Amino acid sequence: MRLYDDIVLNGERAIARSYAKINITLDVLGRRPNGYHDVKMIMQTTGLFDLLIVDKEPYGLSVTTNLKYLPPAEKNIAWKAASAFFEYCNIRGGAKMLIHKNVPVAAGLAGGSGNAAAVICALDKLYNTHLSDEDLCKIGAKLGADVPFCILGGTQLAEGIGEQLTELTPMPKTTVLLVKPPINISTAKIYEKIDSCEDLKHPDTDKVIKAINKGDIKTIAANLSNVMEAVTERENPIITKIKEMMMRDGAIGCVMSGSGPTVFGIFDDDAKAKTSADNFYNPYKEVYLTRTYN
């Protein structure tokens, strides 16, 4: 799955989807002198997406969203992505960007990174710059470690600070339930606590890769793991509550995505997944039933 291939052109308008991601595993290996952390994680695209309409303009940049509290203009990552694209390509141009958000904000699902990825790919098509995947990802990496993954999508092993990607065998198509509780998580603070924590539970990412290669969804689900989860859970027991409820509803595995607070569950029974989604919707609202997307 390449985000670029999903873009539709209508004259000088590009229509793009930017997809939410989940972390099948997430391991933090250590902290670099510059403050960044080395990670090893399996990332997976889901069918939940934001819709972006990007119009080619002779000059200037503008961003409009359906959520009034999102950063305006220069502070929005979509604006930064367009600016980075024009700078990298050394061309003059403009873009009007309209974003309809469906992916929860600040949720551990790479919603903003996906928007940046979609803008870069849309502008590449509109301006006929024919950038390689490597070039697209170079632009994206300047904006955030998750942006290259959002450009390439699918099932990927991410290493380094998240920008070193290795394409894996596609995850089996399976039902995924996403639930975001109404709390805010500071990724920076979670990393700070991980640096001083000595009893972290590290995922067996290699075991999960083998299970993905075999299409063994039960082993994948049983080994979902996120080293950040225990740190986030200690201060936010609501995450534990959501996981317990999902498992009671029939999930075969569940875990927090990214630094949270969204929890996702994998189901092998669509009826149970729908019932679980209904159970969560009244108390939480930001509840999405989708599938893995490759």
Protein backbone atom coordinates (compact mmCIF):
# COMPACT_ATOMS: atom_id res chain seq x y z
CA MET A 1 0.00 0.00 0.00
CA ARG A 2 1.47 3.36 -1.07
CA LEU A 3 -0.42 6.49 -0.10
CA TYR A 4 0.59 7.99 -3.48
CA ASP A 5 -1.37 5.31 -5.35
CA ASP A 6 -4.63 6.20 -3.55
CA ILE A 7 -4.65 9.84 -4.66
CA VAL A 8 -7.31 10.93 -7.17
CA LEU A 9 -6.73 13.90 -9.48
CA ASN A 10 -9.48 16.19 -10.69
CA GLY A 11 -7.81 18.83 -12.84
CA GLU A 12 -5.69 20.92 -10.46
CA ARG A 13 -7.23 19.30 -7.39
CA ALA A 14 -5.96 16.21 -5.59
CA ILE A 15 -8.20 14.14 -3.33
CA ALA A 16 -6.29 12.06 -0.81
CA ARG A 17 -6.88 9.83 2.18
CA SER A 18 -4.47 9.77 5.10
CA TYR A 19 -4.78 6.59 7.12
CA ALA A 20 -4.48 5.93 10.85
CA LYS A 21 -1.73 3.55 11.98
CA ILE A 22 -1.49 1.17 14.91
CA ASN A 23 1.59 -0.31 16.58
CA ILE A 24 1.48 -4.10 16.59
CA THR A 25 4.65 -3.96 18.69
CA LEU A 26 6.55 -0.96 20.04
CA ASP A 27 9.94 -1.21 21.74
CA VAL A 28 12.17 1.63 22.94
CA LEU A 29 15.82 0.54 22.82
CA GLY A 30 17.60 3.57 24.23
CA ARG A 31 18.12 7.31 24.17
CA ARG A 32 20.52 9.07 21.82
CA PRO A 33 22.73 11.99 22.92
CA ASN A 34 20.53 14.35 20.87
CA GLY A 35 17.46 13.32 22.89
CA TYR A 36 15.83 11.12 20.27
CA HIS A 37 15.07 7.48 21.09
CA ASP A 38 15.91 4.37 19.10
CA VAL A 39 12.88 2.18 18.55
CA LYS A 40 11.97 -1.16 17.03
CA MET A 41 8.32 -1.58 16.16
CA ILE A 42 5.86 -3.08 13.73
CA MET A 43 3.50 -0.49 12.29
CA GLN A 44 0.27 -1.25 10.47
CA THR A 45 -2.11 0.87 8.40
CA THR A 46 -5.82 0.72 9.21
CA GLY A 47 -8.87 1.65 7.16
CA LEU A 48 -9.70 4.72 9.27
CA PHE A 49 -8.75 7.87 7.36
CA ASP A 50 -8.86 11.66 7.15
CA LEU A 51 -9.94 13.15 3.83
CA LEU A 52 -7.78 15.87 2.27
CA ILE A 53 -8.53 18.07 -0.73
CA VAL A 54 -5.47 19.89 -2.04
CA ASP A 55 -5.90 22.56 -4.73
CA LYS A 56 -2.96 23.81 -6.77
CA GLU A 57 -2.54 27.59 -6.41
CA PRO A 58 -0.12 30.02 -8.08
CA TYR A 59 1.24 31.13 -4.70
CA GLY A 60 0.52 31.04 -0.97
CA LEU A 61 -0.54 28.32 1.44
CA SER A 62 -3.77 27.92 3.39
CA VAL A 63 -5.19 25.18 5.61
CA THR A 64 -8.83 24.71 6.63
CA THR A 65 -10.11 21.91 8.86
CA ASN A 66 -13.44 20.79 10.29
CA LEU A 67 -12.03 21.06 13.82
CA LYS A 68 -11.70 24.60 15.13
CA TYR A 69 -9.13 23.70 17.81
CA LEU A 70 -6.48 22.40 15.37
CA PRO A 71 -3.40 24.58 14.80
CA PRO A 72 -3.97 27.21 12.09
CA ALA A 73 -1.74 28.20 9.18
CA GLU A 74 2.01 27.90 9.78
CA LYS A 75 1.55 25.81 12.94
CA ASN A 76 -0.39 23.07 11.15
CA ILE A 77 1.72 20.10 10.03
CA ALA A 78 -0.05 20.11 6.64
CA TRP A 79 1.18 23.67 6.06
CA LYS A 80 4.69 22.64 7.13
CA ALA A 81 4.55 19.66 4.75
CA ALA A 82 3.62 21.85 1.78
CA SER A 83 6.37 24.31 2.65
CA ALA A 84 8.92 21.48 2.96
CA PHE A 85 7.83 20.06 -0.41
CA PHE A 86 8.34 23.36 -2.27
CA GLU A 87 11.68 23.93 -0.56
CA TYR A 88 12.94 20.41 -1.35
CA CYS A 89 11.88 20.64 -5.00
CA ASN A 90 13.12 24.23 -5.30
CA ILE A 91 9.95 25.35 -7.05
CA ARG A 92 7.54 28.21 -6.49
CA GLY A 93 3.90 27.37 -6.05
CA GLY A 94 1.01 27.33 -3.68
CA ALA A 95 -1.67 25.09 -2.25
CA LYS A 96 -5.08 25.37 -0.62
CA MET A 97 -5.63 22.46 1.75
CA LEU A 98 -8.93 21.32 3.21
CA ILE A 99 -8.76 18.57 5.84
CA HIS A 100 -11.75 16.66 7.15
CA LYS A 101 -10.55 14.93 10.31
CA ASN A 102 -11.91 11.51 11.23
CA VAL A 103 -8.79 10.11 12.91
CA PRO A 104 -8.76 11.16 16.59
CA VAL A 105 -6.28 13.94 17.39
CA ALA A 106 -3.30 13.29 19.72
CA ALA A 107 -4.31 9.65 19.92
CA GLY A 108 -1.21 7.61 19.09
CA LEU A 109 -2.56 6.93 15.59
CA ALA A 110 -0.29 9.24 13.52
CA GLY A 111 -3.20 11.42 12.42
CA GLY A 112 -1.09 14.54 11.90
CA SER A 113 1.77 12.59 10.34
CA GLY A 114 -0.71 11.04 7.91
CA ASN A 115 -1.95 14.50 6.91
CA ALA A 116 1.62 15.59 6.20
CA ALA A 117 2.23 12.46 4.13
CA ALA A 118 -0.93 13.02 2.09
CA VAL A 119 -0.01 16.65 1.35
CA ILE A 120 3.49 15.71 0.16
CA CYS A 121 2.16 12.97 -2.13
CA ALA A 122 -0.70 15.14 -3.42
CA LEU A 123 1.65 18.00 -4.32
CA ASP A 124 4.04 15.61 -6.05
CA LYS A 125 1.17 14.57 -8.31
CA LEU A 126 -0.18 18.08 -8.85
CA TYR A 127 3.22 19.53 -9.73
CA ASN A 128 4.43 16.50 -11.74
CA THR A 129 7.69 16.35 -9.80
CA HIS A 130 7.81 12.53 -10.01
CA LEU A 131 9.71 12.14 -6.76
CA SER A 132 10.88 8.68 -5.75
CA ASP A 133 9.61 7.03 -2.59
CA GLU A 134 13.02 7.79 -1.08
CA ASP A 135 12.65 11.50 -1.87
CA LEU A 136 9.08 11.61 -0.53
CA CYS A 137 10.26 9.99 2.69
CA LYS A 138 13.20 12.38 3.01
CA ILE A 139 10.79 15.30 2.99
CA GLY A 140 8.52 13.50 5.43
CA ALA A 141 11.29 12.61 7.89
CA LYS A 142 11.97 16.32 8.42
CA LEU A 143 8.43 16.70 9.74
CA GLY A 144 8.17 13.67 12.01
CA ALA A 145 9.43 10.12 12.46
CA ASP A 146 6.03 8.59 11.53
CA VAL A 147 5.60 10.49 8.26
CA PRO A 148 7.73 8.13 6.11
CA PHE A 149 5.65 5.19 7.33
CA CYS A 150 2.46 7.05 6.47
CA ILE A 151 3.79 7.58 2.95
CA LEU A 152 4.64 3.92 2.37
CA GLY A 153 1.98 2.33 4.60
CA GLY A 154 1.03 -1.31 4.91
CA THR A 155 2.94 -3.52 7.33
CA GLN A 156 6.41 -2.21 8.13
CA LEU A 157 9.22 -2.80 10.62
CA ALA A 158 10.37 0.64 11.80
CA GLU A 159 13.80 1.12 13.37
CA GLY A 160 16.19 4.00 14.11
CA ILE A 161 13.94 6.79 15.40
CA GLY A 162 11.16 5.26 13.31
CA GLU A 163 12.31 6.41 9.89
CA GLN A 164 14.21 3.23 8.89
CA LEU A 165 11.53 1.07 7.30
CA THR A 166 11.55 -2.54 6.14
CA GLU A 167 8.47 -3.79 4.32
CA LEU A 168 7.04 -6.94 5.87
CA THR A 169 4.60 -9.57 4.65
CA PRO A 170 1.17 -7.89 4.77
CA MET A 171 -0.76 -8.49 7.97
CA PRO A 172 -3.75 -10.79 7.51
CA LYS A 173 -6.89 -8.73 6.92
CA THR A 174 -8.57 -8.61 10.28
CA THR A 175 -11.11 -6.55 12.22
CA VAL A 176 -9.71 -3.81 14.46
CA LEU A 177 -11.60 -1.85 17.11
CA LEU A 178 -10.14 1.53 18.13
CA VAL A 179 -11.19 3.27 21.33
CA LYS A 180 -9.77 6.65 22.41
CA PRO A 181 -10.61 7.70 25.96
CA PRO A 182 -11.09 11.44 26.67
CA ILE A 183 -7.63 12.02 28.14
CA ASN A 184 -4.45 13.68 26.89
CA ILE A 185 -1.02 12.05 26.92
CA SER A 186 2.34 13.84 26.65
CA THR A 187 4.64 11.71 24.50
CA ALA A 188 7.68 13.61 25.74
CA LYS A 189 6.82 12.86 29.38
CA ILE A 190 6.25 9.17 28.61
CA TYR A 191 9.72 8.96 27.05
CA GLU A 192 11.22 10.70 30.09
CA LYS A 193 9.68 8.09 32.39
CA ILE A 194 10.81 5.23 30.18
CA ASP A 195 14.41 6.50 30.45
CA SER A 196 14.31 6.05 34.22
CA CYS A 197 12.27 2.83 34.31
CA GLU A 198 14.16 -0.44 34.84
CA ASP A 199 11.34 -3.00 34.77
CA LEU A 200 10.03 -2.46 31.24
CA LYS A 201 8.35 -5.34 29.43
CA HIS A 202 9.91 -5.50 25.97
CA PRO A 203 7.97 -7.04 23.06
CA ASP A 204 9.21 -10.04 21.10
CA THR A 205 9.05 -8.29 17.75
CA ASP A 206 10.92 -11.04 15.89
CA LYS A 207 8.35 -13.61 17.07
CA VAL A 208 5.53 -11.42 15.78
CA ILE A 209 7.25 -10.99 12.41
CA LYS A 210 7.40 -14.80 12.08
CA ALA A 211 3.70 -15.01 12.92
CA ILE A 212 2.92 -12.34 10.29
CA ASN A 213 4.88 -14.34 7.72
CA LYS A 214 2.71 -17.37 8.53
CA GLY A 215 -0.54 -15.38 8.56
CA ASP A 216 -1.07 -16.56 12.14
CA ILE A 217 -3.42 -13.91 13.49
CA LYS A 218 -3.94 -15.63 16.86
CA THR A 219 -0.20 -15.59 17.63
CA ILE A 220 0.03 -11.99 16.44
CA ALA A 221 -2.86 -10.97 18.69
CA ALA A 222 -1.47 -12.88 21.68
CA ASN A 223 1.85 -11.04 21.37
CA LEU A 224 0.66 -7.46 20.88
CA SER A 225 3.02 -5.41 23.05
CA ASN A 226 3.93 -1.78 23.67
CA VAL A 227 6.74 -0.86 26.05
CA MET A 228 5.07 2.51 26.64
CA GLU A 229 1.82 0.98 27.79
CA ALA A 230 2.79 0.13 31.37
CA VAL A 231 4.16 3.65 31.92
CA THR A 232 1.03 5.31 30.53
CA GLU A 233 -1.32 2.87 32.32
CA ARG A 234 0.06 3.64 35.77
CA GLU A 235 -1.25 7.19 35.60
CA ASN A 236 -4.28 6.42 33.44
CA PRO A 237 -6.14 3.33 34.70
CA ILE A 238 -8.85 3.98 32.14
CA ILE A 239 -6.55 2.29 29.62
CA THR A 240 -6.56 -0.89 31.70
CA LYS A 241 -10.34 -0.66 31.97
CA ILE A 242 -10.72 -0.44 28.17
CA LYS A 243 -8.41 -3.41 27.60
CA GLU A 244 -10.26 -5.55 30.12
CA MET A 245 -13.61 -4.66 28.56
CA MET A 246 -12.37 -5.47 25.04
CA MET A 247 -11.11 -8.87 26.14
CA ARG A 248 -14.44 -9.62 27.86
CA ASP A 249 -16.18 -8.68 24.62
CA GLY A 250 -14.19 -11.27 22.67
CA ALA A 251 -11.02 -9.55 21.42
CA ILE A 252 -8.21 -12.05 20.87
CA GLY A 253 -5.66 -9.39 21.77
CA CYS A 254 -5.50 -5.69 22.59
CA VAL A 255 -2.86 -3.07 23.35
CA MET A 256 -2.33 0.69 23.44
CA SER A 257 -1.12 2.31 20.21
CA GLY A 258 1.90 4.62 20.25
CA SER A 259 2.17 6.69 23.41
CA GLY A 260 -1.61 6.46 23.72
CA PRO A 261 -4.20 6.90 24.80
CA THR A 262 -5.98 4.93 22.05
CA VAL A 263 -6.40 1.21 22.69
CA PHE A 264 -7.04 -1.18 19.82
CA GLY A 265 -8.31 -4.73 19.85
CA ILE A 266 -8.06 -7.45 17.24
CA PHE A 267 -11.16 -9.60 16.71
CA ASP A 268 -11.63 -12.81 14.74
CA ASP A 269 -15.42 -12.56 15.00
CA ASP A 270 -17.09 -9.57 13.31
CA ALA A 271 -20.29 -9.88 15.33
CA LYS A 272 -18.38 -9.71 18.62
CA ALA A 273 -16.41 -6.74 17.32
CA LYS A 274 -19.61 -4.87 16.43
CA THR A 275 -21.15 -5.62 19.83
CA SER A 276 -17.97 -4.40 21.55
CA ALA A 277 -17.96 -1.19 19.50
CA ASP A 278 -21.58 -0.57 20.53
CA ASN A 279 -20.68 -1.17 24.19
CA PHE A 280 -17.89 1.40 24.04
CA TYR A 281 -19.65 4.10 22.04
CA ASN A 282 -21.88 5.60 24.73
CA PRO A 283 -19.14 6.24 27.32
CA TYR A 284 -16.32 7.14 24.90
CA LYS A 285 -17.70 8.39 21.53
CA GLU A 286 -14.34 8.18 19.71
CA VAL A 287 -14.86 4.52 18.80
CA TYR A 288 -14.03 3.17 15.36
CA LEU A 289 -14.54 -0.29 13.89
CA THR A 290 -12.25 -0.86 10.92
CA ARG A 291 -9.80 -3.36 9.43
CA THR A 292 -6.13 -3.66 8.68
CA TYR A 293 -5.32 -2.07 5.31
CA ASN A 294 -2.52 -3.10 2.94
